[in-house]
């Protein structure tokens, strides 16, 4: 436990925090909370969102206190990175939700049966073309696609099954999508190709 946390530099505070020193964490919070809130407000444009980002940033700091060793002179760069990631993830989540909303609306008009059959045939042909292209991918990318895109497994579960990191699975999926777009000449190649 630090004798005088108020005068300790951030690196020293972080060492104490890693050892579960609540007073050191309180000092770090009081020292940087306003700067993190200001940064979050600039990113979100919302007072309440900035409050949420502030509290979640410091909650993340407390949870990761034992495994973060990047704090040198100031904790602010790390805290800003956490805040930016939180805002970015929230933005992605909201974007996915907004893209999903139109799909939830059920059209009231009945469609022509011939149109439905033609669309199903087109979808079947596209799916066959994509699956044939998947078979031509390099083995590591093919495994990732088959598990995550075809098999609907989460990237975390696929990573555990393959014995690699989740980042590696995502990287393989990204490379596979790029190859599949080229191989199928279809710029709309995403997971939706497997949804139909």
N, C-alpha and C. Protein backbone atom coordinates (compact mmCIF):
# COMPACT_ATOMS: atom_id res chain seq x y z
N UNK A 1 0.84 -1.18 0.00
CA UNK A 1 0.00 0.00 0.00
C UNK A 1 0.89 1.25 0.00
N UNK A 2 0.54 2.22 -0.83
CA UNK A 2 1.35 3.43 -0.93
C UNK A 2 1.13 4.32 0.29
N UNK A 3 2.24 4.91 0.76
CA UNK A 3 2.15 5.81 1.91
C UNK A 3 1.42 7.10 1.53
N UNK A 4 1.75 7.65 0.34
CA UNK A 4 1.14 8.91 -0.09
C UNK A 4 0.72 8.78 -1.56
N UNK A 5 -0.45 8.19 -1.82
CA UNK A 5 -0.87 7.99 -3.20
C UNK A 5 -1.05 9.29 -3.99
N UNK A 6 -1.40 10.37 -3.29
CA UNK A 6 -1.65 11.65 -3.97
C UNK A 6 -0.44 12.13 -4.76
N UNK A 7 0.76 11.93 -4.23
CA UNK A 7 1.97 12.45 -4.89
C UNK A 7 2.66 11.39 -5.75
N UNK A 8 2.15 10.18 -5.77
CA UNK A 8 2.79 9.09 -6.54
C UNK A 8 2.50 9.25 -8.03
N UNK A 9 3.49 8.97 -8.88
CA UNK A 9 3.22 9.00 -10.33
C UNK A 9 2.30 7.85 -10.72
N UNK A 10 1.71 7.95 -11.90
CA UNK A 10 0.75 6.94 -12.36
C UNK A 10 1.32 5.53 -12.37
N UNK A 11 2.57 5.38 -12.80
CA UNK A 11 3.18 4.05 -12.86
C UNK A 11 3.21 3.40 -11.48
N UNK A 12 3.56 4.19 -10.49
CA UNK A 12 3.61 3.68 -9.12
C UNK A 12 2.20 3.37 -8.61
N UNK A 13 1.26 4.25 -8.94
CA UNK A 13 -0.13 4.00 -8.57
C UNK A 13 -0.62 2.68 -9.17
N UNK A 14 -0.28 2.47 -10.44
CA UNK A 14 -0.76 1.27 -11.12
C UNK A 14 -0.19 0.00 -10.47
N UNK A 15 1.08 0.06 -10.07
CA UNK A 15 1.67 -1.09 -9.37
C UNK A 15 0.89 -1.40 -8.10
N UNK A 16 0.52 -0.34 -7.38
CA UNK A 16 -0.25 -0.53 -6.15
C UNK A 16 -1.66 -1.05 -6.47
N UNK A 17 -2.25 -0.53 -7.54
CA UNK A 17 -3.58 -0.98 -7.94
C UNK A 17 -3.54 -2.46 -8.31
N UNK A 18 -2.49 -2.88 -8.99
CA UNK A 18 -2.35 -4.29 -9.36
C UNK A 18 -2.31 -5.18 -8.13
N UNK A 19 -1.88 -4.60 -7.00
CA UNK A 19 -1.88 -5.32 -5.73
C UNK A 19 -3.14 -5.07 -4.92
N UNK A 20 -4.21 -4.65 -5.58
CA UNK A 20 -5.53 -4.44 -4.96
C UNK A 20 -5.59 -3.27 -3.98
N UNK A 21 -4.82 -2.22 -4.25
CA UNK A 21 -4.83 -1.03 -3.39
C UNK A 21 -5.98 -0.11 -3.83
N UNK A 22 -7.05 -0.10 -3.06
CA UNK A 22 -8.24 0.70 -3.39
C UNK A 22 -7.95 2.20 -3.30
N UNK A 23 -7.14 2.61 -2.36
CA UNK A 23 -6.82 4.04 -2.22
C UNK A 23 -6.06 4.54 -3.45
N UNK A 24 -5.15 3.72 -3.98
CA UNK A 24 -4.40 4.10 -5.18
C UNK A 24 -5.35 4.22 -6.37
N UNK A 25 -6.33 3.30 -6.45
CA UNK A 25 -7.29 3.35 -7.55
C UNK A 25 -8.16 4.60 -7.45
N UNK A 26 -8.57 4.94 -6.24
CA UNK A 26 -9.37 6.15 -6.03
C UNK A 26 -8.58 7.38 -6.47
N UNK A 27 -7.30 7.42 -6.13
CA UNK A 27 -6.44 8.54 -6.54
C UNK A 27 -6.34 8.61 -8.05
N UNK A 28 -6.14 7.46 -8.71
CA UNK A 28 -6.06 7.43 -10.17
C UNK A 28 -7.36 7.93 -10.80
N UNK A 29 -8.48 7.49 -10.24
CA UNK A 29 -9.78 7.92 -10.75
C UNK A 29 -9.93 9.44 -10.61
N UNK A 30 -9.65 9.95 -9.41
CA UNK A 30 -9.79 11.39 -9.18
C UNK A 30 -8.85 12.20 -10.06
N UNK A 31 -7.70 11.64 -10.35
CA UNK A 31 -6.70 12.34 -11.16
C UNK A 31 -7.12 12.43 -12.63
N UNK A 32 -7.78 11.40 -13.15
CA UNK A 32 -8.02 11.34 -14.60
C UNK A 32 -9.49 11.28 -15.02
N UNK A 33 -10.41 11.23 -14.08
CA UNK A 33 -11.83 11.07 -14.44
C UNK A 33 -12.32 12.20 -15.34
N UNK A 34 -11.98 13.43 -15.02
CA UNK A 34 -12.46 14.56 -15.83
C UNK A 34 -11.92 14.50 -17.25
N UNK A 35 -10.64 14.15 -17.40
CA UNK A 35 -10.04 14.06 -18.74
C UNK A 35 -10.70 12.94 -19.56
N UNK A 36 -10.96 11.81 -18.93
CA UNK A 36 -11.59 10.69 -19.63
C UNK A 36 -13.03 11.06 -20.00
N UNK A 37 -13.74 11.72 -19.08
CA UNK A 37 -15.11 12.13 -19.39
C UNK A 37 -15.13 13.11 -20.57
N UNK A 38 -14.21 14.09 -20.56
CA UNK A 38 -14.14 15.05 -21.67
C UNK A 38 -13.88 14.35 -23.00
N UNK A 39 -12.95 13.40 -22.96
CA UNK A 39 -12.62 12.64 -24.17
C UNK A 39 -13.85 11.85 -24.66
N UNK A 40 -14.52 11.19 -23.73
CA UNK A 40 -15.71 10.40 -24.08
C UNK A 40 -16.81 11.31 -24.62
N UNK A 41 -16.94 12.49 -24.05
CA UNK A 41 -17.97 13.43 -24.52
C UNK A 41 -17.66 13.88 -25.95
N UNK A 42 -16.39 14.13 -26.24
CA UNK A 42 -16.01 14.52 -27.60
C UNK A 42 -16.32 13.40 -28.59
N UNK A 43 -16.16 12.15 -28.16
CA UNK A 43 -16.41 11.01 -29.05
C UNK A 43 -17.90 10.75 -29.23
N UNK A 44 -18.70 10.96 -28.18
CA UNK A 44 -20.11 10.58 -28.24
C UNK A 44 -21.05 11.76 -28.46
N UNK A 45 -20.66 12.95 -28.00
CA UNK A 45 -21.55 14.10 -28.09
C UNK A 45 -22.72 14.01 -27.13
N UNK A 46 -22.62 13.15 -26.13
CA UNK A 46 -23.73 12.94 -25.20
C UNK A 46 -23.20 12.90 -23.77
N UNK A 47 -23.82 13.67 -22.89
CA UNK A 47 -23.40 13.70 -21.49
C UNK A 47 -23.58 12.33 -20.84
N UNK A 48 -24.76 11.74 -21.05
CA UNK A 48 -25.04 10.46 -20.40
C UNK A 48 -24.15 9.35 -20.96
N UNK A 49 -23.93 9.36 -22.29
CA UNK A 49 -23.04 8.35 -22.88
C UNK A 49 -21.62 8.52 -22.35
N UNK A 50 -21.18 9.78 -22.19
CA UNK A 50 -19.85 10.04 -21.65
C UNK A 50 -19.73 9.51 -20.22
N UNK A 51 -20.80 9.66 -19.43
CA UNK A 51 -20.81 9.12 -18.06
C UNK A 51 -20.68 7.60 -18.09
N UNK A 52 -21.42 6.96 -19.00
CA UNK A 52 -21.35 5.49 -19.11
C UNK A 52 -19.95 5.04 -19.51
N UNK A 53 -19.36 5.75 -20.49
CA UNK A 53 -18.03 5.39 -20.96
C UNK A 53 -17.02 5.59 -19.83
N UNK A 54 -17.15 6.68 -19.09
CA UNK A 54 -16.24 6.94 -17.96
C UNK A 54 -16.29 5.80 -16.95
N UNK A 55 -17.49 5.44 -16.52
CA UNK A 55 -17.60 4.40 -15.49
C UNK A 55 -17.12 3.05 -16.02
N UNK A 56 -17.44 2.73 -17.27
CA UNK A 56 -17.03 1.44 -17.82
C UNK A 56 -15.52 1.41 -18.05
N UNK A 57 -14.94 2.54 -18.41
CA UNK A 57 -13.48 2.60 -18.59
C UNK A 57 -12.76 2.28 -17.28
N UNK A 58 -13.20 2.90 -16.20
CA UNK A 58 -12.54 2.64 -14.92
C UNK A 58 -12.89 1.26 -14.36
N UNK A 59 -14.07 0.77 -14.68
CA UNK A 59 -14.41 -0.61 -14.29
C UNK A 59 -13.48 -1.59 -15.02
N UNK A 60 -13.23 -1.33 -16.30
CA UNK A 60 -12.30 -2.15 -17.07
C UNK A 60 -10.90 -2.05 -16.49
N UNK A 61 -10.50 -0.84 -16.10
CA UNK A 61 -9.17 -0.66 -15.50
C UNK A 61 -9.04 -1.50 -14.23
N UNK A 62 -10.07 -1.49 -13.41
CA UNK A 62 -10.01 -2.27 -12.17
C UNK A 62 -9.97 -3.77 -12.47
N UNK A 63 -10.79 -4.20 -13.41
CA UNK A 63 -10.83 -5.62 -13.75
C UNK A 63 -9.51 -6.11 -14.35
N UNK A 64 -8.85 -5.25 -15.12
CA UNK A 64 -7.62 -5.66 -15.80
C UNK A 64 -6.37 -5.22 -15.07
N UNK A 65 -6.51 -4.79 -13.83
CA UNK A 65 -5.39 -4.22 -13.09
C UNK A 65 -4.18 -5.14 -13.01
N UNK A 66 -4.41 -6.43 -12.95
CA UNK A 66 -3.28 -7.36 -12.78
C UNK A 66 -2.56 -7.67 -14.08
N UNK A 67 -3.24 -7.55 -15.23
CA UNK A 67 -2.59 -7.95 -16.47
C UNK A 67 -2.15 -6.80 -17.36
N UNK A 68 -2.40 -5.56 -16.98
CA UNK A 68 -1.95 -4.41 -17.77
C UNK A 68 -0.62 -3.93 -17.23
N UNK A 69 0.39 -3.96 -18.10
CA UNK A 69 1.73 -3.53 -17.68
C UNK A 69 2.24 -2.37 -18.54
N UNK A 70 1.34 -1.73 -19.29
CA UNK A 70 1.73 -0.67 -20.22
C UNK A 70 1.77 0.71 -19.59
N UNK A 71 1.44 0.84 -18.33
CA UNK A 71 1.38 2.16 -17.71
C UNK A 71 2.80 2.59 -17.34
N UNK A 72 3.24 3.67 -17.97
CA UNK A 72 4.59 4.16 -17.67
C UNK A 72 4.48 5.50 -16.95
N UNK A 73 4.52 6.59 -17.72
CA UNK A 73 4.45 7.90 -17.07
C UNK A 73 3.02 8.29 -16.71
N UNK A 74 2.09 8.03 -17.64
CA UNK A 74 0.70 8.42 -17.42
C UNK A 74 -0.23 7.28 -17.82
N UNK A 75 -1.30 7.13 -17.07
CA UNK A 75 -2.30 6.11 -17.40
C UNK A 75 -3.27 6.61 -18.46
N UNK A 76 -3.25 7.90 -18.77
CA UNK A 76 -4.23 8.47 -19.69
C UNK A 76 -4.25 7.82 -21.07
N UNK A 77 -3.09 7.58 -21.71
CA UNK A 77 -3.17 6.96 -23.04
C UNK A 77 -3.91 5.63 -23.02
N UNK A 78 -3.65 4.81 -22.00
CA UNK A 78 -4.34 3.52 -21.90
C UNK A 78 -5.83 3.73 -21.63
N UNK A 79 -6.16 4.66 -20.74
CA UNK A 79 -7.56 4.94 -20.43
C UNK A 79 -8.30 5.48 -21.66
N UNK A 80 -7.63 6.35 -22.43
CA UNK A 80 -8.24 6.86 -23.66
C UNK A 80 -8.50 5.73 -24.65
N UNK A 81 -7.57 4.80 -24.76
CA UNK A 81 -7.73 3.67 -25.68
C UNK A 81 -8.93 2.82 -25.28
N UNK A 82 -9.06 2.55 -23.99
CA UNK A 82 -10.21 1.77 -23.51
C UNK A 82 -11.50 2.52 -23.82
N UNK A 83 -11.54 3.81 -23.55
CA UNK A 83 -12.75 4.61 -23.80
C UNK A 83 -13.10 4.60 -25.29
N UNK A 84 -12.10 4.78 -26.14
CA UNK A 84 -12.35 4.80 -27.60
C UNK A 84 -12.88 3.45 -28.07
N UNK A 85 -12.32 2.36 -27.54
CA UNK A 85 -12.80 1.03 -27.92
C UNK A 85 -14.24 0.81 -27.48
N UNK A 86 -14.58 1.29 -26.29
CA UNK A 86 -15.95 1.16 -25.81
C UNK A 86 -16.93 1.91 -26.72
N UNK A 87 -16.55 3.13 -27.10
CA UNK A 87 -17.41 3.93 -27.98
C UNK A 87 -17.54 3.25 -29.34
N UNK A 88 -16.41 2.76 -29.87
CA UNK A 88 -16.42 2.10 -31.17
C UNK A 88 -17.30 0.84 -31.15
N UNK A 89 -17.16 0.04 -30.10
CA UNK A 89 -17.98 -1.18 -29.99
C UNK A 89 -19.46 -0.85 -29.88
N UNK A 90 -19.78 0.20 -29.12
CA UNK A 90 -21.17 0.60 -28.98
C UNK A 90 -21.73 1.09 -30.32
N UNK A 91 -20.89 1.82 -31.06
CA UNK A 91 -21.32 2.31 -32.38
C UNK A 91 -21.59 1.14 -33.32
N UNK A 92 -20.70 0.14 -33.30
CA UNK A 92 -20.91 -1.04 -34.15
C UNK A 92 -22.19 -1.76 -33.77
N UNK A 93 -22.42 -1.92 -32.46
CA UNK A 93 -23.62 -2.61 -31.99
C UNK A 93 -24.87 -1.87 -32.46
N UNK A 94 -24.85 -0.54 -32.33
CA UNK A 94 -26.02 0.25 -32.77
C UNK A 94 -26.20 0.17 -34.29
N UNK A 95 -25.09 0.19 -35.03
CA UNK A 95 -25.18 0.09 -36.49
C UNK A 95 -25.78 -1.24 -36.91
N UNK A 96 -25.35 -2.33 -36.26
CA UNK A 96 -25.92 -3.64 -36.58
C UNK A 96 -27.42 -3.66 -36.28
N UNK A 97 -27.79 -3.06 -35.16
CA UNK A 97 -29.20 -3.02 -34.79
C UNK A 97 -30.00 -2.23 -35.84
N UNK A 98 -29.47 -1.08 -36.26
CA UNK A 98 -30.19 -0.26 -37.23
C UNK A 98 -30.29 -0.95 -38.59
N UNK A 99 -29.28 -1.76 -38.94
CA UNK A 99 -29.36 -2.52 -40.19
C UNK A 99 -30.39 -3.64 -40.08
N UNK A 100 -30.56 -4.16 -38.88
CA UNK A 100 -31.48 -5.27 -38.67
C UNK A 100 -32.94 -4.82 -38.66
N UNK A 101 -33.21 -3.62 -38.20
CA UNK A 101 -34.59 -3.15 -38.05
C UNK A 101 -35.40 -3.28 -39.33
N UNK A 102 -34.89 -2.84 -40.50
CA UNK A 102 -35.72 -2.98 -41.71
C UNK A 102 -36.03 -4.44 -42.05
N UNK A 103 -35.15 -5.36 -41.68
CA UNK A 103 -35.37 -6.77 -41.97
C UNK A 103 -36.49 -7.35 -41.11
N UNK A 104 -36.75 -6.70 -39.98
CA UNK A 104 -37.78 -7.20 -39.07
C UNK A 104 -39.19 -6.88 -39.54
N UNK A 105 -39.30 -5.85 -40.39
CA UNK A 105 -40.62 -5.46 -40.89
C UNK A 105 -41.14 -6.54 -41.85
N UNK A 106 -42.35 -6.97 -41.63
CA UNK A 106 -42.95 -8.02 -42.47
C UNK A 106 -43.80 -7.36 -43.54
N UNK A 107 -43.50 -7.61 -44.80
CA UNK A 107 -44.33 -7.01 -45.85
C UNK A 107 -45.72 -7.62 -45.84
N UNK A 108 -46.72 -6.75 -46.03
CA UNK A 108 -48.10 -7.22 -45.95
C UNK A 108 -48.62 -7.76 -47.27
N UNK A 109 -48.02 -7.31 -48.38
CA UNK A 109 -48.53 -7.75 -49.67
C UNK A 109 -48.05 -9.17 -49.98
N UNK A 110 -48.84 -9.90 -50.70
CA UNK A 110 -48.43 -11.26 -51.08
C UNK A 110 -47.60 -11.18 -52.35
N UNK A 111 -46.61 -12.04 -52.40
CA UNK A 111 -45.72 -12.03 -53.57
C UNK A 111 -46.16 -13.08 -54.57
N UNK A 112 -45.78 -12.84 -55.79
CA UNK A 112 -46.07 -13.78 -56.87
C UNK A 112 -45.24 -15.05 -56.64
N UNK A 113 -45.87 -16.20 -56.75
CA UNK A 113 -45.20 -17.47 -56.54
C UNK A 113 -44.03 -17.67 -57.51
N UNK A 114 -44.19 -17.23 -58.74
CA UNK A 114 -43.12 -17.37 -59.74
C UNK A 114 -41.89 -16.56 -59.34
N UNK A 115 -42.12 -15.35 -58.78
CA UNK A 115 -41.00 -14.53 -58.31
C UNK A 115 -40.25 -15.21 -57.18
N UNK A 116 -41.01 -15.82 -56.26
CA UNK A 116 -40.38 -16.52 -55.14
C UNK A 116 -39.52 -17.68 -55.62
N UNK A 117 -40.03 -18.45 -56.59
CA UNK A 117 -39.27 -19.58 -57.13
C UNK A 117 -38.01 -19.10 -57.83
N UNK A 118 -38.13 -18.03 -58.61
CA UNK A 118 -36.96 -17.49 -59.31
C UNK A 118 -35.92 -17.00 -58.31
N UNK A 119 -36.38 -16.34 -57.25
CA UNK A 119 -35.45 -15.84 -56.23
C UNK A 119 -34.78 -17.00 -55.50
N UNK A 120 -35.54 -18.04 -55.18
CA UNK A 120 -34.97 -19.22 -54.51
C UNK A 120 -33.92 -19.88 -55.40
N UNK A 121 -34.21 -19.97 -56.70
CA UNK A 121 -33.26 -20.58 -57.63
C UNK A 121 -31.98 -19.75 -57.68
N UNK A 122 -32.15 -18.42 -57.75
CA UNK A 122 -30.97 -17.53 -57.77
C UNK A 122 -30.15 -17.71 -56.49
N UNK A 123 -30.84 -17.78 -55.35
CA UNK A 123 -30.16 -17.95 -54.07
C UNK A 123 -29.42 -19.28 -54.02
N UNK A 124 -30.06 -20.33 -54.51
CA UNK A 124 -29.43 -21.66 -54.53
C UNK A 124 -28.17 -21.64 -55.40
N UNK A 125 -28.26 -21.00 -56.56
CA UNK A 125 -27.11 -20.93 -57.46
C UNK A 125 -25.96 -20.15 -56.81
N UNK A 126 -26.31 -19.04 -56.17
CA UNK A 126 -25.28 -18.23 -55.51
C UNK A 126 -24.63 -19.01 -54.37
N UNK A 127 -25.44 -19.72 -53.60
CA UNK A 127 -24.91 -20.49 -52.49
C UNK A 127 -23.99 -21.61 -52.98
N UNK A 128 -24.38 -22.28 -54.07
CA UNK A 128 -23.52 -23.33 -54.64
C UNK A 128 -22.19 -22.76 -55.08
N UNK A 129 -22.24 -21.59 -55.71
CA UNK A 129 -21.03 -20.94 -56.19
C UNK A 129 -20.11 -20.58 -55.02
N UNK A 130 -20.71 -20.04 -53.95
CA UNK A 130 -19.92 -19.65 -52.78
C UNK A 130 -19.33 -20.88 -52.10
N UNK A 131 -20.13 -21.93 -51.93
CA UNK A 131 -19.62 -23.15 -51.26
C UNK A 131 -18.52 -23.81 -52.07
N UNK A 132 -18.64 -23.76 -53.40
CA UNK A 132 -17.57 -24.30 -54.25
C UNK A 132 -16.29 -23.47 -54.06
N UNK A 133 -16.46 -22.16 -53.94
CA UNK A 133 -15.30 -21.29 -53.72
C UNK A 133 -14.68 -21.55 -52.35
N UNK A 134 -15.52 -21.81 -51.35
CA UNK A 134 -15.00 -22.11 -50.00
C UNK A 134 -14.08 -23.32 -50.05
N UNK A 135 -14.45 -24.33 -50.85
CA UNK A 135 -13.63 -25.54 -50.96
C UNK A 135 -12.25 -25.26 -51.54
N UNK A 136 -12.11 -24.15 -52.27
CA UNK A 136 -10.83 -23.81 -52.89
C UNK A 136 -9.96 -22.92 -52.01
N UNK A 137 -10.46 -22.50 -50.86
CA UNK A 137 -9.68 -21.64 -49.96
C UNK A 137 -8.53 -22.42 -49.35
N UNK A 138 -7.46 -21.71 -48.90
CA UNK A 138 -6.42 -22.38 -48.13
C UNK A 138 -7.04 -23.03 -46.88
N UNK A 139 -6.45 -24.11 -46.43
CA UNK A 139 -7.04 -24.91 -45.36
C UNK A 139 -7.39 -24.10 -44.11
N UNK A 140 -6.49 -23.21 -43.67
CA UNK A 140 -6.75 -22.47 -42.44
C UNK A 140 -7.96 -21.55 -42.59
N UNK A 141 -8.08 -20.90 -43.75
CA UNK A 141 -9.22 -20.01 -43.98
C UNK A 141 -10.50 -20.82 -44.17
N UNK A 142 -10.39 -21.97 -44.87
CA UNK A 142 -11.56 -22.82 -45.09
C UNK A 142 -12.13 -23.30 -43.75
N UNK A 143 -11.25 -23.70 -42.82
CA UNK A 143 -11.72 -24.14 -41.50
C UNK A 143 -12.49 -23.04 -40.79
N UNK A 144 -11.93 -21.83 -40.82
CA UNK A 144 -12.58 -20.70 -40.14
C UNK A 144 -13.94 -20.41 -40.75
N UNK A 145 -14.04 -20.42 -42.07
CA UNK A 145 -15.30 -20.15 -42.75
C UNK A 145 -16.32 -21.25 -42.43
N UNK A 146 -15.86 -22.50 -42.49
CA UNK A 146 -16.79 -23.60 -42.25
C UNK A 146 -17.32 -23.57 -40.81
N UNK A 147 -16.47 -23.21 -39.86
CA UNK A 147 -16.92 -23.17 -38.47
C UNK A 147 -17.79 -21.96 -38.19
N UNK A 148 -17.33 -20.77 -38.59
CA UNK A 148 -18.00 -19.53 -38.19
C UNK A 148 -19.11 -19.09 -39.13
N UNK A 149 -18.88 -19.17 -40.43
CA UNK A 149 -19.88 -18.65 -41.36
C UNK A 149 -20.90 -19.71 -41.75
N UNK A 150 -20.43 -20.92 -42.00
CA UNK A 150 -21.36 -21.98 -42.38
C UNK A 150 -21.96 -22.61 -41.13
N UNK A 151 -21.12 -22.91 -40.15
CA UNK A 151 -21.57 -23.59 -38.95
C UNK A 151 -22.11 -22.69 -37.86
N UNK A 152 -22.04 -21.37 -38.07
CA UNK A 152 -22.58 -20.40 -37.11
C UNK A 152 -21.92 -20.48 -35.73
N UNK A 153 -20.67 -20.92 -35.66
CA UNK A 153 -19.97 -20.97 -34.38
C UNK A 153 -19.38 -19.60 -34.09
N UNK A 154 -19.31 -19.22 -32.83
CA UNK A 154 -18.73 -17.93 -32.48
C UNK A 154 -17.22 -17.98 -32.73
N UNK A 155 -16.61 -16.81 -32.95
CA UNK A 155 -15.17 -16.78 -33.17
C UNK A 155 -14.41 -17.26 -31.93
N UNK A 156 -14.96 -17.01 -30.76
CA UNK A 156 -14.30 -17.47 -29.52
C UNK A 156 -14.30 -18.99 -29.46
N UNK A 157 -15.43 -19.61 -29.78
CA UNK A 157 -15.51 -21.07 -29.75
C UNK A 157 -14.63 -21.68 -30.84
N UNK A 158 -14.62 -21.06 -32.01
CA UNK A 158 -13.78 -21.55 -33.11
C UNK A 158 -12.30 -21.46 -32.72
N UNK A 159 -11.93 -20.36 -32.07
CA UNK A 159 -10.53 -20.20 -31.64
C UNK A 159 -10.13 -21.30 -30.67
N UNK A 160 -11.02 -21.60 -29.74
CA UNK A 160 -10.73 -22.65 -28.76
C UNK A 160 -10.62 -24.01 -29.46
N UNK A 161 -11.51 -24.28 -30.39
CA UNK A 161 -11.50 -25.55 -31.10
C UNK A 161 -10.24 -25.71 -31.94
N UNK A 162 -9.82 -24.60 -32.60
CA UNK A 162 -8.64 -24.65 -33.48
C UNK A 162 -7.32 -24.48 -32.72
N UNK A 163 -7.42 -24.05 -31.46
CA UNK A 163 -6.20 -23.86 -30.67
C UNK A 163 -5.43 -22.61 -31.07
N UNK A 164 -6.15 -21.58 -31.52
CA UNK A 164 -5.53 -20.31 -31.89
C UNK A 164 -6.27 -19.19 -31.20
N UNK A 165 -5.79 -17.95 -31.37
CA UNK A 165 -6.46 -16.82 -30.74
C UNK A 165 -7.68 -16.41 -31.54
N UNK A 166 -8.59 -15.70 -30.87
CA UNK A 166 -9.80 -15.21 -31.54
C UNK A 166 -9.43 -14.21 -32.63
N UNK A 167 -8.39 -13.42 -32.39
CA UNK A 167 -7.93 -12.45 -33.40
C UNK A 167 -7.49 -13.18 -34.66
N UNK A 168 -6.83 -14.33 -34.50
CA UNK A 168 -6.40 -15.11 -35.66
C UNK A 168 -7.60 -15.63 -36.45
N UNK A 169 -8.64 -16.06 -35.73
CA UNK A 169 -9.85 -16.53 -36.42
C UNK A 169 -10.46 -15.39 -37.23
N UNK A 170 -10.56 -14.21 -36.60
CA UNK A 170 -11.14 -13.06 -37.32
C UNK A 170 -10.30 -12.69 -38.53
N UNK A 171 -8.99 -12.76 -38.38
CA UNK A 171 -8.09 -12.44 -39.49
C UNK A 171 -8.29 -13.42 -40.64
N UNK A 172 -8.40 -14.71 -40.31
CA UNK A 172 -8.62 -15.72 -41.34
C UNK A 172 -9.96 -15.49 -42.05
N UNK A 173 -10.99 -15.14 -41.28
CA UNK A 173 -12.29 -14.87 -41.89
C UNK A 173 -12.23 -13.67 -42.81
N UNK A 174 -11.51 -12.65 -42.40
CA UNK A 174 -11.39 -11.45 -43.23
C UNK A 174 -10.68 -11.76 -44.55
N UNK A 175 -9.57 -12.52 -44.46
CA UNK A 175 -8.86 -12.90 -45.68
C UNK A 175 -9.75 -13.79 -46.56
N UNK A 176 -10.50 -14.68 -45.93
CA UNK A 176 -11.37 -15.58 -46.69
C UNK A 176 -12.44 -14.79 -47.42
N UNK A 177 -13.04 -13.81 -46.75
CA UNK A 177 -14.08 -12.99 -47.41
C UNK A 177 -13.51 -12.29 -48.64
N UNK A 178 -12.30 -11.75 -48.50
CA UNK A 178 -11.67 -11.05 -49.62
C UNK A 178 -11.47 -12.02 -50.79
N UNK A 179 -10.95 -13.22 -50.49
CA UNK A 179 -10.75 -14.20 -51.56
C UNK A 179 -12.09 -14.62 -52.18
N UNK A 180 -13.08 -14.85 -51.34
CA UNK A 180 -14.38 -15.30 -51.85
C UNK A 180 -15.03 -14.24 -52.74
N UNK A 181 -14.85 -12.97 -52.37
CA UNK A 181 -15.39 -11.90 -53.23
C UNK A 181 -14.75 -11.98 -54.62
N UNK A 182 -13.41 -12.17 -54.62
CA UNK A 182 -12.72 -12.25 -55.90
C UNK A 182 -13.14 -13.49 -56.67
N UNK A 183 -13.24 -14.61 -55.97
CA UNK A 183 -13.54 -15.88 -56.63
C UNK A 183 -14.96 -15.95 -57.16
N UNK A 184 -15.88 -15.27 -56.48
CA UNK A 184 -17.28 -15.33 -56.91
C UNK A 184 -17.71 -14.07 -57.65
N UNK A 185 -16.81 -13.09 -57.74
CA UNK A 185 -17.12 -11.80 -58.38
C UNK A 185 -18.40 -11.22 -57.82
N UNK A 186 -18.53 -11.28 -56.48
CA UNK A 186 -19.75 -10.81 -55.81
C UNK A 186 -19.34 -9.89 -54.68
N UNK A 187 -19.53 -8.59 -54.85
CA UNK A 187 -19.14 -7.62 -53.83
C UNK A 187 -19.99 -7.69 -52.58
N UNK A 188 -21.09 -8.42 -52.63
CA UNK A 188 -21.95 -8.51 -51.46
C UNK A 188 -21.65 -9.75 -50.63
N UNK A 189 -20.49 -10.37 -50.83
CA UNK A 189 -20.15 -11.60 -50.12
C UNK A 189 -19.91 -11.33 -48.64
N UNK A 190 -20.85 -11.72 -47.82
CA UNK A 190 -20.73 -11.64 -46.38
C UNK A 190 -21.39 -12.85 -45.80
N UNK A 191 -21.59 -12.84 -44.49
CA UNK A 191 -22.25 -13.97 -43.86
C UNK A 191 -23.67 -14.16 -44.38
N UNK A 192 -24.31 -13.08 -44.95
CA UNK A 192 -25.66 -13.21 -45.43
C UNK A 192 -25.75 -14.27 -46.52
N UNK A 193 -24.65 -14.55 -47.23
CA UNK A 193 -24.68 -15.56 -48.26
C UNK A 193 -25.01 -16.93 -47.68
N UNK A 194 -24.73 -17.11 -46.40
CA UNK A 194 -25.01 -18.38 -45.76
C UNK A 194 -26.33 -18.36 -45.02
N UNK A 195 -26.98 -17.21 -44.95
CA UNK A 195 -28.22 -17.08 -44.19
C UNK A 195 -29.42 -17.59 -44.97
N UNK A 196 -29.31 -17.64 -46.29
CA UNK A 196 -30.49 -17.92 -47.11
C UNK A 196 -30.66 -19.40 -47.37
